[in-house]
C-alpha cells in the first residue's frame, strides 16, 4: 500500500510540475516576442512570433480588389522584421551609391527607385558583410501579418487613415473618409507612430517589395505560403507617398516587374533567427 501511495504521490507531483511549466514558463518563441536586435549598420529588427491569422479583406471593405480573398494562414516560424524601411544611408553603406530620386530628404529617408533585382544584390552584399545568410525580403504573408499587428480593419489604425498617421496622397482618402495633406515627397523613417509591434511606415512613405511572385491566393487554408513558383511580377505592398489611401490598406496587393524602379517603392528586410 505504501508503495502504491508513493507512486500516486510522485505522479501527482509530476503532473503539477508539468502544469506549472506550461502555465508559468513561456516557450522560447513566446519569450522572444517583441525582442529587438540591431546589426553593424544600425538596422533595427523586432521579433515576430509564429501565429495563424486571416489574410485578405472582407467582401464589404471599401475600395477592396477582387484578388484579396480572405483565407487562413499559419506561419510556423518566428522571424525578425526591420522596424523601418531601409534608409538611403543604409543603402549607401552597403552599395556605395544612392539611387534615390528624393535625395534632399537625407540619409534617414527611405531609399527608393530600387528594383527588386537590385534589392537582391543589396541583400547578398549585406549577408556577406554581416556573415551568414540571414537577411531576405519578407514573404507577402509575413508582411501582411506584421502590418496588421493583430488588427482586422482596413488600416492598422482603424477604418480610415489620417495623414497625421502616414505619408500618402491625402487628396484621395478611402471611401467615406476625410481628405488630408499631400506632401509630394518621402519623409524620414519613423516620422509617425508605429503599429502595436513597433513597426513604422508600413502604410505609407514608400511601398515595399516582398519576396513572392504575384499570383492568386489559394482557395483553402495554407501554411508558410511563399507564392507561386514563377511569374512576371514581384509583389509590392503598402502605399507610398504618392499613392491614394486604398493602396495603403493592409490587404491591398500590387506587383511590378522585378527589373523596374519607382520613386515611391523601397523595401524593408527580414532577418531569420
C-alpha atoms as a PDB file:
ATOM      1  CA  UNK A   1       0.000   0.000   0.000  1.00  0.00           C
ATOM      2  CA  UNK A   2       2.803   2.387   0.886  1.00  0.00           C
ATOM      3  CA  UNK A   3       4.463   1.723  -2.463  1.00  0.00           C
ATOM      4  CA  UNK A   4       1.219   2.438  -4.280  1.00  0.00           C
ATOM      5  CA  UNK A   5       0.711   5.679  -2.375  1.00  0.00           C
ATOM      6  CA  UNK A   6       4.248   6.743  -3.139  1.00  0.00           C
ATOM      7  CA  UNK A   7       3.694   6.144  -6.849  1.00  0.00           C
ATOM      8  CA  UNK A   8       0.443   8.113  -6.815  1.00  0.00           C
ATOM      9  CA  UNK A   9       2.099  10.938  -4.890  1.00  0.00           C
ATOM     10  CA  UNK A  10       5.075  11.031  -7.280  1.00  0.00           C
ATOM     11  CA  UNK A  11       2.794  11.017 -10.307  1.00  0.00           C
ATOM     12  CA  UNK A  12       0.729  13.861  -8.818  1.00  0.00           C
ATOM     13  CA  UNK A  13       3.868  15.920  -8.300  1.00  0.00           C
ATOM     14  CA  UNK A  14       4.894  15.287 -11.899  1.00  0.00           C
ATOM     15  CA  UNK A  15       1.508  16.444 -13.230  1.00  0.00           C
ATOM     16  CA  UNK A  16       1.572  19.546 -11.032  1.00  0.00           C
ATOM     17  CA  UNK A  17       5.105  20.333 -12.191  1.00  0.00           C
ATOM     18  CA  UNK A  18       4.154  19.984 -15.846  1.00  0.00           C
ATOM     19  CA  UNK A  19       1.144  22.264 -15.367  1.00  0.00           C
ATOM     20  CA  UNK A  20       3.342  24.826 -13.640  1.00  0.00           C
ATOM     21  CA  UNK A  21       5.812  24.678 -16.525  1.00  0.00           C
ATOM     22  CA  UNK A  22       3.209  25.214 -19.250  1.00  0.00           C
ATOM     23  CA  UNK A  23       1.422  27.971 -17.345  1.00  0.00           C
ATOM     24  CA  UNK A  24       4.319  29.942 -15.942  1.00  0.00           C
ATOM     25  CA  UNK A  25       7.333  29.170 -18.127  1.00  0.00           C
ATOM     26  CA  UNK A  26       6.993  30.694 -21.606  1.00  0.00           C
ATOM     27  CA  UNK A  27       8.221  28.914 -24.699  1.00  0.00           C
ATOM     28  CA  UNK A  28      11.291  30.226 -26.494  1.00  0.00           C
ATOM     29  CA  UNK A  29       9.113  31.792 -29.197  1.00  0.00           C
ATOM     30  CA  UNK A  30       6.891  33.495 -26.613  1.00  0.00           C
ATOM     31  CA  UNK A  31       9.869  34.767 -24.627  1.00  0.00           C
ATOM     32  CA  UNK A  32      11.275  36.411 -27.756  1.00  0.00           C
ATOM     33  CA  UNK A  33       8.105  38.323 -28.728  1.00  0.00           C
ATOM     34  CA  UNK A  34       8.927  41.986 -29.246  1.00  0.00           C
ATOM     35  CA  UNK A  35      12.668  41.487 -28.738  1.00  0.00           C
ATOM     36  CA  UNK A  36      14.735  43.977 -30.732  1.00  0.00           C
ATOM     37  CA  UNK A  37      18.143  43.392 -32.260  1.00  0.00           C
ATOM     38  CA  UNK A  38      20.446  45.548 -34.407  1.00  0.00           C
ATOM     39  CA  UNK A  39      23.273  44.887 -36.847  1.00  0.00           C
ATOM     40  CA  UNK A  40      26.516  46.729 -37.586  1.00  0.00           C
ATOM     41  CA  UNK A  41      24.688  49.243 -39.804  1.00  0.00           C
ATOM     42  CA  UNK A  42      22.236  50.155 -37.046  1.00  0.00           C
ATOM     43  CA  UNK A  43      19.346  48.397 -38.797  1.00  0.00           C
ATOM     44  CA  UNK A  44      16.852  47.508 -36.062  1.00  0.00           C
ATOM     45  CA  UNK A  45      14.669  44.389 -36.169  1.00  0.00           C
ATOM     46  CA  UNK A  46      11.800  43.270 -33.924  1.00  0.00           C
ATOM     47  CA  UNK A  47      10.846  39.631 -33.353  1.00  0.00           C
ATOM     48  CA  UNK A  48       7.530  38.300 -34.637  1.00  0.00           C
ATOM     49  CA  UNK A  49       6.212  35.035 -33.191  1.00  0.00           C
ATOM     50  CA  UNK A  50       4.624  32.155 -35.136  1.00  0.00           C
ATOM     51  CA  UNK A  51       0.853  32.537 -35.479  1.00  0.00           C
ATOM     52  CA  UNK A  52      -2.290  31.917 -37.503  1.00  0.00           C
ATOM     53  CA  UNK A  53      -4.232  34.836 -38.973  1.00  0.00           C
ATOM     54  CA  UNK A  54      -6.803  35.731 -41.619  1.00  0.00           C
ATOM     55  CA  UNK A  55      -5.121  37.199 -44.690  1.00  0.00           C
ATOM     56  CA  UNK A  56      -7.035  39.325 -47.215  1.00  0.00           C
ATOM     57  CA  UNK A  57     -10.041  41.618 -46.849  1.00  0.00           C
ATOM     58  CA  UNK A  58     -13.745  41.043 -46.131  1.00  0.00           C
ATOM     59  CA  UNK A  59     -16.136  41.471 -49.049  1.00  0.00           C
ATOM     60  CA  UNK A  60     -17.572  44.693 -47.599  1.00  0.00           C
ATOM     61  CA  UNK A  61     -14.245  46.516 -47.157  1.00  0.00           C
ATOM     62  CA  UNK A  62     -14.310  49.835 -49.062  1.00  0.00           C
ATOM     63  CA  UNK A  63     -12.202  50.046 -52.239  1.00  0.00           C
ATOM     64  CA  UNK A  64     -11.058  46.414 -51.991  1.00  0.00           C
ATOM     65  CA  UNK A  65      -9.911  44.460 -55.041  1.00  0.00           C
ATOM     66  CA  UNK A  66     -11.076  41.049 -56.205  1.00  0.00           C
ATOM     67  CA  UNK A  67      -7.686  39.417 -55.524  1.00  0.00           C
ATOM     68  CA  UNK A  68      -7.925  39.872 -51.741  1.00  0.00           C
ATOM     69  CA  UNK A  69      -9.964  36.750 -50.890  1.00  0.00           C
ATOM     70  CA  UNK A  70      -9.776  36.001 -47.201  1.00  0.00           C
ATOM     71  CA  UNK A  71      -8.051  32.762 -46.179  1.00  0.00           C
ATOM     72  CA  UNK A  72      -6.418  31.349 -43.073  1.00  0.00           C
ATOM     73  CA  UNK A  73      -2.618  31.443 -42.991  1.00  0.00           C
ATOM     74  CA  UNK A  74      -0.377  29.729 -40.458  1.00  0.00           C
ATOM     75  CA  UNK A  75       3.195  30.938 -40.026  1.00  0.00           C
ATOM     76  CA  UNK A  76       5.102  28.220 -38.197  1.00  0.00           C
ATOM     77  CA  UNK A  77       8.415  30.023 -37.854  1.00  0.00           C
ATOM     78  CA  UNK A  78       9.210  33.197 -35.985  1.00  0.00           C
ATOM     79  CA  UNK A  79      11.229  35.911 -37.705  1.00  0.00           C
ATOM     80  CA  UNK A  80      12.672  39.370 -37.181  1.00  0.00           C
ATOM     81  CA  UNK A  81      11.419  42.207 -39.377  1.00  0.00           C
ATOM     82  CA  UNK A  82      13.047  45.611 -39.769  1.00  0.00           C
ATOM     83  CA  UNK A  83      11.290  48.302 -37.754  1.00  0.00           C
ATOM     84  CA  UNK A  84      11.735  50.856 -40.556  1.00  0.00           C
ATOM     85  CA  UNK A  85      12.212  50.850 -44.284  1.00  0.00           C
ATOM     86  CA  UNK A  86      15.822  50.584 -45.455  1.00  0.00           C
ATOM     87  CA  UNK A  87      17.257  54.095 -45.477  1.00  0.00           C
ATOM     88  CA  UNK A  88      19.396  55.869 -48.022  1.00  0.00           C
ATOM     89  CA  UNK A  89      22.266  55.861 -45.540  1.00  0.00           C
ATOM     90  CA  UNK A  90      21.999  52.099 -45.041  1.00  0.00           C
ATOM     91  CA  UNK A  91      21.896  51.501 -48.799  1.00  0.00           C
ATOM     92  CA  UNK A  92      24.992  53.666 -49.329  1.00  0.00           C
ATOM     93  CA  UNK A  93      26.856  51.833 -46.567  1.00  0.00           C
ATOM     94  CA  UNK A  94      26.365  48.543 -48.434  1.00  0.00           C
ATOM     95  CA  UNK A  95      26.252  49.529 -52.100  1.00  0.00           C
ATOM     96  CA  UNK A  96      28.367  52.697 -52.184  1.00  0.00           C
ATOM     97  CA  UNK A  97      25.814  54.722 -54.161  1.00  0.00           C
ATOM     98  CA  UNK A  98      22.381  56.308 -53.745  1.00  0.00           C
ATOM     99  CA  UNK A  99      19.806  55.644 -56.489  1.00  0.00           C
ATOM    100  CA  UNK A 100      17.042  57.606 -54.735  1.00  0.00           C
ATOM    101  CA  UNK A 101      15.245  60.366 -56.623  1.00  0.00           C
ATOM    102  CA  UNK A 102      14.486  62.354 -53.443  1.00  0.00           C
ATOM    103  CA  UNK A 103      17.984  62.903 -52.042  1.00  0.00           C
ATOM    104  CA  UNK A 104      17.389  66.228 -50.260  1.00  0.00           C
ATOM    105  CA  UNK A 105      15.411  64.304 -47.667  1.00  0.00           C
ATOM    106  CA  UNK A 106      18.663  62.984 -46.147  1.00  0.00           C
ATOM    107  CA  UNK A 107      20.275  59.683 -45.183  1.00  0.00           C
ATOM    108  CA  UNK A 108      17.444  58.835 -42.764  1.00  0.00           C
ATOM    109  CA  UNK A 109      14.827  58.837 -45.514  1.00  0.00           C
ATOM    110  CA  UNK A 110      13.882  55.571 -47.211  1.00  0.00           C
ATOM    111  CA  UNK A 111      15.855  54.519 -50.252  1.00  0.00           C
ATOM    112  CA  UNK A 112      13.586  54.366 -53.305  1.00  0.00           C
ATOM    113  CA  UNK A 113      13.834  53.853 -57.059  1.00  0.00           C
ATOM    114  CA  UNK A 114      15.428  50.448 -56.462  1.00  0.00           C
ATOM    115  CA  UNK A 115      14.285  47.413 -58.422  1.00  0.00           C
ATOM    116  CA  UNK A 116      13.546  44.022 -56.902  1.00  0.00           C
ATOM    117  CA  UNK A 117      16.623  42.678 -58.668  1.00  0.00           C
ATOM    118  CA  UNK A 118      18.796  45.429 -57.180  1.00  0.00           C
ATOM    119  CA  UNK A 119      17.397  44.675 -53.743  1.00  0.00           C
ATOM    120  CA  UNK A 120      18.612  41.079 -54.149  1.00  0.00           C
ATOM    121  CA  UNK A 121      22.128  42.429 -54.808  1.00  0.00           C
ATOM    122  CA  UNK A 122      21.851  44.542 -51.657  1.00  0.00           C
ATOM    123  CA  UNK A 123      20.780  41.513 -49.628  1.00  0.00           C
ATOM    124  CA  UNK A 124      23.630  39.398 -50.950  1.00  0.00           C
ATOM    125  CA  UNK A 125      26.208  42.045 -50.060  1.00  0.00           C
ATOM    126  CA  UNK A 126      24.659  42.670 -46.661  1.00  0.00           C
ATOM    127  CA  UNK A 127      24.764  38.958 -45.881  1.00  0.00           C
ATOM    128  CA  UNK A 128      28.433  38.895 -46.858  1.00  0.00           C
ATOM    129  CA  UNK A 129      29.146  41.948 -44.760  1.00  0.00           C
ATOM    130  CA  UNK A 130      27.337  40.615 -41.688  1.00  0.00           C
ATOM    131  CA  UNK A 131      28.346  36.992 -42.169  1.00  0.00           C
ATOM    132  CA  UNK A 132      25.829  34.235 -42.794  1.00  0.00           C
ATOM    133  CA  UNK A 133      22.690  34.135 -44.893  1.00  0.00           C
ATOM    134  CA  UNK A 134      20.103  35.604 -42.535  1.00  0.00           C
ATOM    135  CA  UNK A 135      18.718  38.585 -44.458  1.00  0.00           C
ATOM    136  CA  UNK A 136      15.942  38.461 -47.048  1.00  0.00           C
ATOM    137  CA  UNK A 137      12.737  40.148 -48.155  1.00  0.00           C
ATOM    138  CA  UNK A 138       9.562  39.222 -46.252  1.00  0.00           C
ATOM    139  CA  UNK A 139       7.067  36.908 -47.872  1.00  0.00           C
ATOM    140  CA  UNK A 140       3.752  38.532 -48.712  1.00  0.00           C
ATOM    141  CA  UNK A 141       2.095  36.672 -45.833  1.00  0.00           C
ATOM    142  CA  UNK A 142       4.772  37.706 -43.330  1.00  0.00           C
ATOM    143  CA  UNK A 143       4.455  41.294 -44.492  1.00  0.00           C
ATOM    144  CA  UNK A 144       0.667  41.447 -44.072  1.00  0.00           C
ATOM    145  CA  UNK A 145       0.781  39.717 -40.700  1.00  0.00           C
ATOM    146  CA  UNK A 146       3.404  42.180 -39.456  1.00  0.00           C
ATOM    147  CA  UNK A 147       1.464  45.158 -40.840  1.00  0.00           C
ATOM    148  CA  UNK A 148      -1.792  44.104 -39.178  1.00  0.00           C
ATOM    149  CA  UNK A 149      -0.260  43.552 -35.731  1.00  0.00           C
ATOM    150  CA  UNK A 150      -3.425  41.773 -34.673  1.00  0.00           C
ATOM    151  CA  UNK A 151      -5.894  44.189 -36.302  1.00  0.00           C
ATOM    152  CA  UNK A 152      -8.642  43.338 -38.801  1.00  0.00           C
ATOM    153  CA  UNK A 153      -9.521  46.836 -40.048  1.00  0.00           C
ATOM    154  CA  UNK A 154      -8.525  48.302 -43.446  1.00  0.00           C
ATOM    155  CA  UNK A 155      -5.646  50.145 -41.785  1.00  0.00           C
ATOM    156  CA  UNK A 156      -3.675  49.283 -38.699  1.00  0.00           C
ATOM    157  CA  UNK A 157      -5.072  52.462 -37.121  1.00  0.00           C
ATOM    158  CA  UNK A 158      -8.729  51.778 -37.966  1.00  0.00           C
ATOM    159  CA  UNK A 159     -11.301  52.284 -40.714  1.00  0.00           C
ATOM    160  CA  UNK A 160      -9.689  55.469 -42.043  1.00  0.00           C
ATOM    161  CA  UNK A 161      -6.103  56.666 -42.405  1.00  0.00           C
ATOM    162  CA  UNK A 162      -5.168  60.215 -41.469  1.00  0.00           C
ATOM    163  CA  UNK A 163      -2.178  61.994 -42.974  1.00  0.00           C
ATOM    164  CA  UNK A 164      -1.178  62.592 -39.354  1.00  0.00           C
ATOM    165  CA  UNK A 165      -0.655  58.819 -39.194  1.00  0.00           C
ATOM    166  CA  UNK A 166       1.062  58.131 -42.521  1.00  0.00           C
ATOM    167  CA  UNK A 167       2.705  59.786 -45.524  1.00  0.00           C
ATOM    168  CA  UNK A 168       0.454  59.244 -48.567  1.00  0.00           C
ATOM    169  CA  UNK A 169      -1.610  61.309 -51.020  1.00  0.00           C
ATOM    170  CA  UNK A 170      -4.284  62.590 -48.664  1.00  0.00           C
ATOM    171  CA  UNK A 171      -6.250  64.091 -51.543  1.00  0.00           C
ATOM    172  CA  UNK A 172      -7.520  60.589 -52.230  1.00  0.00           C
ATOM    173  CA  UNK A 173      -8.760  59.034 -48.962  1.00  0.00           C
ATOM    174  CA  UNK A 174     -10.586  55.733 -48.582  1.00  0.00           C
ATOM    175  CA  UNK A 175     -14.270  55.951 -49.496  1.00  0.00           C
ATOM    176  CA  UNK A 176     -16.194  57.621 -46.674  1.00  0.00           C
ATOM    177  CA  UNK A 177     -13.056  59.100 -45.057  1.00  0.00           C
ATOM    178  CA  UNK A 178     -11.776  62.687 -44.896  1.00  0.00           C
ATOM    179  CA  UNK A 179      -9.144  64.229 -47.153  1.00  0.00           C
ATOM    180  CA  UNK A 180      -5.735  65.184 -45.817  1.00  0.00           C
ATOM    181  CA  UNK A 181      -2.337  66.568 -46.763  1.00  0.00           C
ATOM    182  CA  UNK A 182      -0.322  65.605 -49.834  1.00  0.00           C
ATOM    183  CA  UNK A 183       3.372  66.150 -49.075  1.00  0.00           C
ATOM    184  CA  UNK A 184       4.648  65.089 -52.536  1.00  0.00           C
ATOM    185  CA  UNK A 185       7.846  63.518 -51.172  1.00  0.00           C
ATOM    186  CA  UNK A 186       9.245  60.999 -48.752  1.00  0.00           C
ATOM    187  CA  UNK A 187       9.851  61.809 -45.095  1.00  0.00           C
ATOM    188  CA  UNK A 188      12.474  60.455 -42.674  1.00  0.00           C
ATOM    189  CA  UNK A 189      11.607  56.958 -41.492  1.00  0.00           C
ATOM    190  CA  UNK A 190       9.734  56.697 -38.187  1.00  0.00           C
ATOM    191  CA  UNK A 191       8.187  60.149 -38.590  1.00  0.00           C
ATOM    192  CA  UNK A 192       4.825  58.733 -37.474  1.00  0.00           C
ATOM    193  CA  UNK A 193       3.643  56.448 -34.689  1.00  0.00           C
ATOM    194  CA  UNK A 194       4.424  52.737 -35.107  1.00  0.00           C
ATOM    195  CA  UNK A 195       1.923  49.915 -35.021  1.00  0.00           C
ATOM    196  CA  UNK A 196       1.435  47.840 -31.879  1.00  0.00           C
ATOM    197  CA  UNK A 197       4.508  45.742 -32.693  1.00  0.00           C
ATOM    198  CA  UNK A 198       6.855  48.699 -33.141  1.00  0.00           C
ATOM    199  CA  UNK A 199       6.885  48.816 -36.965  1.00  0.00           C
ATOM    200  CA  UNK A 200       6.945  52.189 -38.703  1.00  0.00           C
ATOM    201  CA  UNK A 201       5.603  53.362 -42.084  1.00  0.00           C
ATOM    202  CA  UNK A 202       4.161  50.093 -43.310  1.00  0.00           C
ATOM    203  CA  UNK A 203       1.111  52.022 -44.513  1.00  0.00           C
ATOM    204  CA  UNK A 204       2.950  54.862 -46.284  1.00  0.00           C
ATOM    205  CA  UNK A 205       6.168  56.725 -47.172  1.00  0.00           C
ATOM    206  CA  UNK A 206       7.286  54.116 -49.740  1.00  0.00           C
ATOM    207  CA  UNK A 207       5.642  50.916 -50.930  1.00  0.00           C
ATOM    208  CA  UNK A 208       7.722  47.832 -50.193  1.00  0.00           C
ATOM    209  CA  UNK A 209       8.964  44.882 -52.233  1.00  0.00           C
ATOM    210  CA  UNK A 210       8.165  41.366 -50.999  1.00  0.00           C
ATOM    211  CA  UNK A 211       9.843  38.119 -51.972  1.00  0.00           C
ATOM    212  CA  UNK A 212       6.890  36.445 -53.730  1.00  0.00           C
ATOM    213  CA  UNK A 213       5.816  36.328 -57.326  1.00  0.00           C
ATOM    214  CA  UNK A 214       2.337  37.858 -57.616  1.00  0.00           C
ATOM    215  CA  UNK A 215      -0.403  35.276 -58.065  1.00  0.00           C
ATOM    216  CA  UNK A 216      -3.893  34.249 -56.997  1.00  0.00           C
ATOM    217  CA  UNK A 217      -4.469  33.376 -53.379  1.00  0.00           C
ATOM    218  CA  UNK A 218      -5.102  29.705 -52.537  1.00  0.00           C
ATOM    219  CA  UNK A 219      -8.710  28.616 -52.030  1.00  0.00           C
ATOM    220  CA  UNK A 220      -8.138  26.999 -48.640  1.00  0.00           C
ATOM    221  CA  UNK A 221      -6.001  27.204 -45.531  1.00  0.00           C
ATOM    222  CA  UNK A 222      -2.241  27.399 -46.085  1.00  0.00           C
ATOM    223  CA  UNK A 223       0.936  27.066 -44.037  1.00  0.00           C
ATOM    224  CA  UNK A 224       4.036  29.198 -44.626  1.00  0.00           C
ATOM    225  CA  UNK A 225       2.995  30.324 -48.122  1.00  0.00           C
ATOM    226  CA  UNK A 226       5.685  31.663 -50.460  1.00  0.00           C
ATOM    227  CA  UNK A 227       3.566  32.465 -53.514  1.00  0.00           C
ATOM    228  CA  UNK A 228       3.750  30.925 -56.999  1.00  0.00           C
ATOM    229  CA  UNK A 229       6.933  29.205 -58.154  1.00  0.00           C
ATOM    230  CA  UNK A 230       7.224  31.598 -61.107  1.00  0.00           C
ATOM    231  CA  UNK A 231       5.589  34.672 -62.579  1.00  0.00           C
ATOM    232  CA  UNK A 232       6.074  38.010 -64.277  1.00  0.00           C
ATOM    233  CA  UNK A 233       5.506  40.426 -61.372  1.00  0.00           C
ATOM    234  CA  UNK A 234       7.007  40.563 -57.890  1.00  0.00           C
ATOM    235  CA  UNK A 235       4.709  41.573 -55.037  1.00  0.00           C
ATOM    236  CA  UNK A 236       4.867  45.048 -53.554  1.00  0.00           C
ATOM    237  CA  UNK A 237       2.856  46.037 -50.515  1.00  0.00           C
ATOM    238  CA  UNK A 238       1.858  49.177 -48.652  1.00  0.00           C
ATOM    239  CA  UNK A 239       1.251  52.556 -50.239  1.00  0.00           C
ATOM    240  CA  UNK A 240       3.878  55.181 -50.911  1.00  0.00           C
ATOM    241  CA  UNK A 241       3.955  58.950 -50.565  1.00  0.00           C
ATOM    242  CA  UNK A 242       2.258  59.442 -53.961  1.00  0.00           C
ATOM    243  CA  UNK A 243      -0.385  56.716 -53.574  1.00  0.00           C
ATOM    244  CA  UNK A 244      -4.017  57.082 -52.551  1.00  0.00           C
ATOM    245  CA  UNK A 245      -5.320  55.625 -49.294  1.00  0.00           C
ATOM    246  CA  UNK A 246      -6.740  52.390 -50.818  1.00  0.00           C
ATOM    247  CA  UNK A 247      -3.175  51.376 -51.736  1.00  0.00           C
ATOM    248  CA  UNK A 248      -2.199  51.757 -48.066  1.00  0.00           C
ATOM    249  CA  UNK A 249      -4.701  49.176 -46.794  1.00  0.00           C
ATOM    250  CA  UNK A 250      -3.328  46.114 -45.053  1.00  0.00           C
ATOM    251  CA  UNK A 251      -4.838  43.748 -47.647  1.00  0.00           C
ATOM    252  CA  UNK A 252      -4.034  45.700 -50.814  1.00  0.00           C
ATOM    253  CA  UNK A 253      -1.870  43.824 -53.323  1.00  0.00           C
ATOM    254  CA  UNK A 254       0.195  45.072 -56.230  1.00  0.00           C
ATOM    255  CA  UNK A 255       3.060  43.835 -58.356  1.00  0.00           C
ATOM    256  CA  UNK A 256       5.726  45.097 -60.717  1.00  0.00           C
ATOM    257  CA  UNK A 257       8.368  43.621 -62.979  1.00  0.00           C
ATOM    258  CA  UNK A 258      11.440  42.827 -60.885  1.00  0.00           C
ATOM    259  CA  UNK A 259      13.725  44.997 -63.018  1.00  0.00           C
ATOM    260  CA  UNK A 260      11.594  48.160 -62.752  1.00  0.00           C
ATOM    261  CA  UNK A 261      12.259  51.124 -60.460  1.00  0.00           C
ATOM    262  CA  UNK A 262       9.726  53.544 -58.983  1.00  0.00           C
ATOM    263  CA  UNK A 263      10.294  56.667 -56.913  1.00  0.00           C
ATOM    264  CA  UNK A 264       7.618  55.545 -54.447  1.00  0.00           C
ATOM    265  CA  UNK A 265       8.888  51.967 -53.920  1.00  0.00           C
ATOM    266  CA  UNK A 266      11.517  50.827 -51.414  1.00  0.00           C
ATOM    267  CA  UNK A 267      11.751  47.874 -49.018  1.00  0.00           C
ATOM    268  CA  UNK A 268      12.395  46.556 -45.533  1.00  0.00           C
ATOM    269  CA  UNK A 269      14.145  43.342 -44.619  1.00  0.00           C
ATOM    270  CA  UNK A 270      13.521  40.219 -42.609  1.00  0.00           C
ATOM    271  CA  UNK A 271      16.281  38.629 -40.583  1.00  0.00           C
ATOM    272  CA  UNK A 272      15.897  34.951 -39.775  1.00  0.00           C
ATOM    273  CA  UNK A 273      16.831  33.870 -36.230  1.00  0.00           C
END
